[in-house]
Amino acid sequence: MKTLKIIKIGGNIINNETLLNSFLHDFSELDAPKILVHGGGRSASEISEKMGITPKMVDGRRITDAKTLDIITMVYGGKINKNIVAKLQSYDCNSVGFSGADGNTIVSVKRPVKEINYGFVGDITNVNTEVLDILLQHKIAPVFCAITHDKNGQLLNTNADTIASELAVALSKSYNVSLYYCFEKNGVLENINDDNSVIEKINFTTFDSLKNKGIINEGMLPKIQNCLQAIKNGVTSVHIGAPKMPFNSTIKCTTFQQ
């Protein structure tokens, strides 16, 4: 099977024009079939605040009311997604911007209300790979924002880390998938104040230990849970590290194992 690289970038890269341009240039140079997934939470929060809407977060996940969903759709699916696609085209990397609604690629259900009402937040139920396969075969890179749909006309805010993980799992039936989460740190750090304290390998057992010690908490929890679930469900390799990490195997990062 062919190798497929799925790379997710977050807001700290997106909001740094120099870092983003460097990353997108390197991404464009990849020969393997590739998919890019992006978040953009900080941009959405900044625009929300300018409009008088205070962002609400619980355990690293955004509470999404109707007004917040409108902002997310404009920022994620519009401004960020199309700017990334345009930059990739400038590097001769043919790409197409996607939400989960486009090509019916990612279907979700609105998260049920339990202890917390997350609002218009989607939990993924199905990934359709047919359209993606066609694009990948023609060397076109899909670029996904963090929005899915429920097949009933409703868009849903969906965690970008989860989108990357679910895409990786679905496409692992046809490809050897390498999944990379790129952010501003060199990997998962044992000491948040020491960029060199990278925890090089994490499995389910060590994850529980790191969580109990408080080394992994808040926003990193869902990210690492997605990494471990991807490995458990057939993804060939999963890594977290700095933006250069996917393109140079000698750079230290965190690798996930069962």
Protein backbone atom coordinates (compact mmCIF):
# COMPACT_ATOMS: atom_id res chain seq x y z
CA MET A 1 0.00 0.00 0.00
CA LYS A 2 1.04 3.60 -0.59
CA THR A 3 2.09 5.82 2.29
CA LEU A 4 -0.25 8.68 3.17
CA LYS A 5 0.77 11.55 5.42
CA ILE A 6 -1.95 13.32 7.40
CA ILE A 7 -0.68 16.42 9.17
CA LYS A 8 -2.60 18.59 11.62
CA ILE A 9 -1.54 22.12 12.53
CA GLY A 10 -2.98 24.33 15.23
CA GLY A 11 -3.58 28.00 15.87
CA ASN A 12 -0.09 28.82 17.11
CA ILE A 13 1.31 27.91 13.70
CA ILE A 14 -1.56 29.44 11.76
CA ASN A 15 -1.21 32.77 13.60
CA ASN A 16 2.54 33.01 12.94
CA GLU A 17 2.86 33.98 9.28
CA THR A 18 6.57 33.17 9.05
CA LEU A 19 6.12 29.76 10.68
CA LEU A 20 3.03 28.98 8.59
CA ASN A 21 4.71 29.90 5.32
CA SER A 22 7.73 27.76 6.17
CA PHE A 23 5.52 24.82 7.11
CA LEU A 24 3.37 25.08 3.97
CA HIS A 25 6.47 25.26 1.79
CA ASP A 26 7.77 22.04 3.37
CA PHE A 27 4.33 20.42 3.13
CA SER A 28 4.20 21.24 -0.58
CA GLU A 29 7.52 19.43 -1.09
CA LEU A 30 6.18 16.11 0.19
CA ASP A 31 6.01 13.50 -2.58
CA ALA A 32 3.65 11.16 -0.75
CA PRO A 33 -0.13 11.56 -0.93
CA LYS A 34 -0.99 14.03 1.82
CA ILE A 35 -3.84 15.66 3.72
CA LEU A 36 -3.65 18.78 5.86
CA VAL A 37 -6.01 19.40 8.79
CA HIS A 38 -6.06 22.75 10.56
CA GLY A 39 -7.61 24.26 13.65
CA GLY A 40 -7.58 27.96 14.36
CA GLY A 41 -9.04 28.32 17.81
CA ARG A 42 -7.12 31.44 18.79
CA SER A 43 -8.26 33.31 15.66
CA ALA A 44 -11.87 32.39 16.34
CA SER A 45 -11.52 33.48 19.97
CA GLU A 46 -9.99 36.83 19.01
CA ILE A 47 -12.77 37.60 16.53
CA SER A 48 -15.41 36.44 19.03
CA GLU A 49 -14.08 38.85 21.62
CA LYS A 50 -14.06 41.72 19.11
CA MET A 51 -17.74 40.98 18.49
CA GLY A 52 -18.48 40.97 22.22
CA ILE A 53 -18.82 37.21 22.55
CA THR A 54 -16.67 35.67 25.30
CA PRO A 55 -15.30 32.24 24.28
CA LYS A 56 -16.09 29.39 26.69
CA MET A 57 -13.81 26.34 26.97
CA VAL A 58 -14.11 23.14 29.03
CA ASP A 59 -11.21 20.64 29.14
CA GLY A 60 -9.71 22.16 26.00
CA ARG A 61 -12.99 21.97 24.05
CA ARG A 62 -15.04 24.96 22.92
CA ILE A 63 -18.65 25.53 23.92
CA THR A 64 -20.35 26.41 20.62
CA ASP A 65 -23.62 28.33 20.66
CA ALA A 66 -25.28 29.53 17.44
CA LYS A 67 -23.34 32.82 17.29
CA THR A 68 -20.05 31.07 17.95
CA LEU A 69 -20.81 28.54 15.21
CA ASP A 70 -21.31 31.40 12.74
CA ILE A 71 -17.91 32.85 13.69
CA ILE A 72 -16.19 29.47 13.48
CA THR A 73 -17.67 28.82 10.05
CA MET A 74 -16.44 32.19 8.79
CA VAL A 75 -12.99 31.88 10.34
CA TYR A 76 -12.23 28.17 9.91
CA GLY A 77 -14.04 27.40 6.67
CA GLY A 78 -13.44 30.81 5.10
CA LYS A 79 -10.51 32.97 6.13
CA ILE A 80 -8.06 30.35 7.39
CA ASN A 81 -8.91 27.51 5.01
CA LYS A 82 -8.85 29.57 1.85
CA ASN A 83 -5.68 31.44 2.82
CA ILE A 84 -3.92 28.09 3.36
CA VAL A 85 -5.16 26.75 0.02
CA ALA A 86 -4.03 29.92 -1.75
CA LYS A 87 -0.57 29.73 -0.16
CA LEU A 88 -0.22 26.07 -1.16
CA GLN A 89 -1.15 26.94 -4.74
CA SER A 90 1.64 29.55 -4.70
CA TYR A 91 4.04 26.69 -3.90
CA ASP A 92 2.64 24.62 -6.82
CA CYS A 93 0.86 22.26 -4.44
CA ASN A 94 -2.60 21.67 -5.89
CA SER A 95 -5.07 21.53 -3.03
CA VAL A 96 -8.79 21.73 -2.29
CA GLY A 97 -10.38 23.18 0.84
CA PHE A 98 -12.81 20.96 2.74
CA SER A 99 -15.26 20.94 5.57
CA GLY A 100 -16.88 17.63 6.46
CA ALA A 101 -19.93 18.70 4.44
CA ASP A 102 -17.91 18.94 1.21
CA GLY A 103 -18.16 15.66 -0.64
CA ASN A 104 -20.08 14.33 2.39
CA THR A 105 -16.66 13.38 3.74
CA ILE A 106 -17.24 13.59 7.50
CA VAL A 107 -20.64 13.05 9.13
CA SER A 108 -21.20 13.81 12.81
CA VAL A 109 -23.96 13.89 15.37
CA LYS A 110 -24.56 16.81 17.72
CA ARG A 111 -22.97 15.91 21.01
CA PRO A 112 -25.67 14.85 23.50
CA VAL A 113 -26.10 16.97 26.60
CA LYS A 114 -24.82 15.20 29.71
CA GLU A 115 -23.02 17.11 32.44
CA ILE A 116 -22.03 19.81 29.94
CA ASN A 117 -23.95 21.27 27.01
CA TYR A 118 -21.30 21.78 24.32
CA GLY A 119 -23.84 23.25 21.90
CA PHE A 120 -23.25 22.80 18.17
CA VAL A 121 -20.31 20.42 18.59
CA GLY A 122 -20.06 17.29 16.47
CA ASP A 123 -18.99 13.77 17.36
CA ILE A 124 -17.88 11.96 14.22
CA THR A 125 -19.91 8.92 13.16
CA ASN A 126 -18.67 8.27 9.62
CA VAL A 127 -15.84 9.18 7.26
CA ASN A 128 -16.43 8.71 3.53
CA THR A 129 -13.15 8.26 1.66
CA GLU A 130 -14.34 7.94 -1.96
CA VAL A 131 -13.85 11.60 -2.93
CA LEU A 132 -10.59 11.77 -1.00
CA ASP A 133 -9.23 8.71 -2.80
CA ILE A 134 -9.93 10.33 -6.18
CA LEU A 135 -8.16 13.54 -5.19
CA LEU A 136 -5.17 11.75 -3.66
CA GLN A 137 -4.77 9.60 -6.78
CA HIS A 138 -4.54 12.81 -8.81
CA LYS A 139 -1.95 14.33 -6.44
CA ILE A 140 -4.41 16.89 -5.04
CA ALA A 141 -4.07 17.60 -1.32
CA PRO A 142 -7.32 17.98 0.66
CA VAL A 143 -7.15 20.72 3.33
CA PHE A 144 -9.70 20.17 6.11
CA CYS A 145 -11.00 22.78 8.53
CA ALA A 146 -12.57 21.83 11.87
CA ILE A 147 -16.18 21.70 10.70
CA THR A 148 -18.36 18.65 9.95
CA HIS A 149 -22.07 18.18 9.25
CA ASP A 150 -24.97 15.98 10.39
CA LYS A 151 -26.43 15.12 6.93
CA ASN A 152 -29.53 17.14 7.91
CA GLY A 153 -28.24 20.56 6.94
CA GLN A 154 -26.52 21.41 10.21
CA LEU A 155 -22.83 22.33 10.40
CA LEU A 156 -21.02 21.30 13.59
CA ASN A 157 -17.83 22.51 15.23
CA THR A 158 -15.59 19.45 15.54
CA ASN A 159 -12.23 19.05 17.23
CA ALA A 160 -9.51 19.24 14.54
CA ASP A 161 -7.35 16.67 16.33
CA THR A 162 -10.28 14.25 16.21
CA ILE A 163 -10.86 14.97 12.51
CA ALA A 164 -7.22 14.14 11.77
CA SER A 165 -7.41 10.94 13.81
CA GLU A 166 -10.69 9.77 12.23
CA LEU A 167 -9.42 10.52 8.72
CA ALA A 168 -6.28 8.52 9.50
CA VAL A 169 -8.23 5.53 10.79
CA ALA A 170 -10.65 5.50 7.83
CA LEU A 171 -7.88 5.83 5.23
CA SER A 172 -5.66 3.22 6.92
CA LYS A 173 -7.74 0.59 5.12
CA SER A 174 -6.22 1.78 1.82
CA TYR A 175 -2.91 3.39 2.85
CA ASN A 176 -0.08 3.08 5.32
CA VAL A 177 -1.00 6.23 7.21
CA SER A 178 1.47 8.37 9.13
CA LEU A 179 -0.33 10.90 11.32
CA TYR A 180 1.48 14.01 12.60
CA TYR A 181 0.27 16.62 15.04
CA CYS A 182 2.40 19.75 14.63
CA PHE A 183 2.42 22.51 17.19
CA GLU A 184 4.86 25.01 18.67
CA LYS A 185 6.61 22.58 21.06
CA ASN A 186 9.07 19.79 20.23
CA GLY A 187 6.66 17.16 21.52
CA VAL A 188 4.86 16.26 24.73
CA LEU A 189 7.03 17.79 27.45
CA GLU A 190 7.73 16.38 30.91
CA ASN A 191 8.51 19.93 32.03
CA ILE A 192 6.47 22.60 30.26
CA ASN A 193 9.27 25.13 30.86
CA ASP A 194 11.95 22.94 29.25
CA ASP A 195 11.54 22.52 25.48
CA ASN A 196 14.11 19.71 25.52
CA SER A 197 12.23 17.54 28.04
CA VAL A 198 10.40 15.64 25.28
CA ILE A 199 8.70 12.40 26.30
CA GLU A 200 9.79 10.34 23.30
CA LYS A 201 7.32 7.42 23.63
CA ILE A 202 3.81 7.25 25.08
CA ASN A 203 1.46 4.26 25.28
CA PHE A 204 -1.84 3.70 27.12
CA THR A 205 -0.10 2.77 30.37
CA THR A 206 2.34 5.69 30.42
CA PHE A 207 -0.47 8.05 29.40
CA ASP A 208 -2.47 7.14 32.51
CA SER A 209 0.61 7.68 34.67
CA LEU A 210 1.41 11.06 33.08
CA LYS A 211 -2.21 12.14 33.45
CA ASN A 212 -2.33 11.15 37.13
CA LYS A 213 0.86 13.12 37.78
CA GLY A 214 -0.62 16.19 36.10
CA ILE A 215 2.10 16.27 33.44
CA ILE A 216 -0.59 15.89 30.76
CA ASN A 217 -3.67 18.00 31.38
CA GLU A 218 -6.26 20.36 29.93
CA GLY A 219 -5.90 20.92 26.18
CA MET A 220 -3.34 18.15 25.69
CA LEU A 221 -5.68 15.45 27.00
CA PRO A 222 -7.99 15.16 23.94
CA LYS A 223 -4.99 15.47 21.59
CA ILE A 224 -3.18 12.51 23.16
CA GLN A 225 -6.36 10.45 23.43
CA ASN A 226 -6.81 10.91 19.67
CA CYS A 227 -3.21 9.82 19.06
CA LEU A 228 -3.64 6.62 21.07
CA GLN A 229 -7.00 5.80 19.50
CA ALA A 230 -5.48 6.18 16.02
CA ILE A 231 -2.66 3.73 16.84
CA LYS A 232 -5.17 1.31 18.38
CA ASN A 233 -7.28 1.40 15.20
CA GLY A 234 -4.73 0.63 12.51
CA VAL A 235 -2.80 3.86 11.83
CA THR A 236 0.83 2.96 11.06
CA SER A 237 2.54 5.75 13.02
CA VAL A 238 1.47 8.75 15.11
CA HIS A 239 3.70 11.61 16.27
CA ILE A 240 3.49 14.99 18.02
CA GLY A 241 6.18 17.59 17.50
CA ALA A 242 7.38 20.85 16.01
CA PRO A 243 6.34 21.93 12.48
CA LYS A 244 9.56 20.62 10.93
CA MET A 245 9.06 17.22 12.52
CA PRO A 246 7.21 15.47 9.67
CA PHE A 247 9.96 16.21 7.20
CA ASN A 248 13.08 15.30 9.16
CA SER A 249 13.13 12.05 11.13
CA THR A 250 16.20 13.17 13.10
CA ILE A 251 14.22 15.87 14.93
CA LYS A 252 13.11 14.75 18.39
CA CYS A 253 9.35 14.29 18.85
CA THR A 254 6.82 12.18 20.74
CA THR A 255 5.86 8.85 19.16
CA PHE A 256 2.79 6.85 20.23
CA GLN A 257 2.61 3.09 20.73
CA GLN A 258 -0.04 0.63 21.87
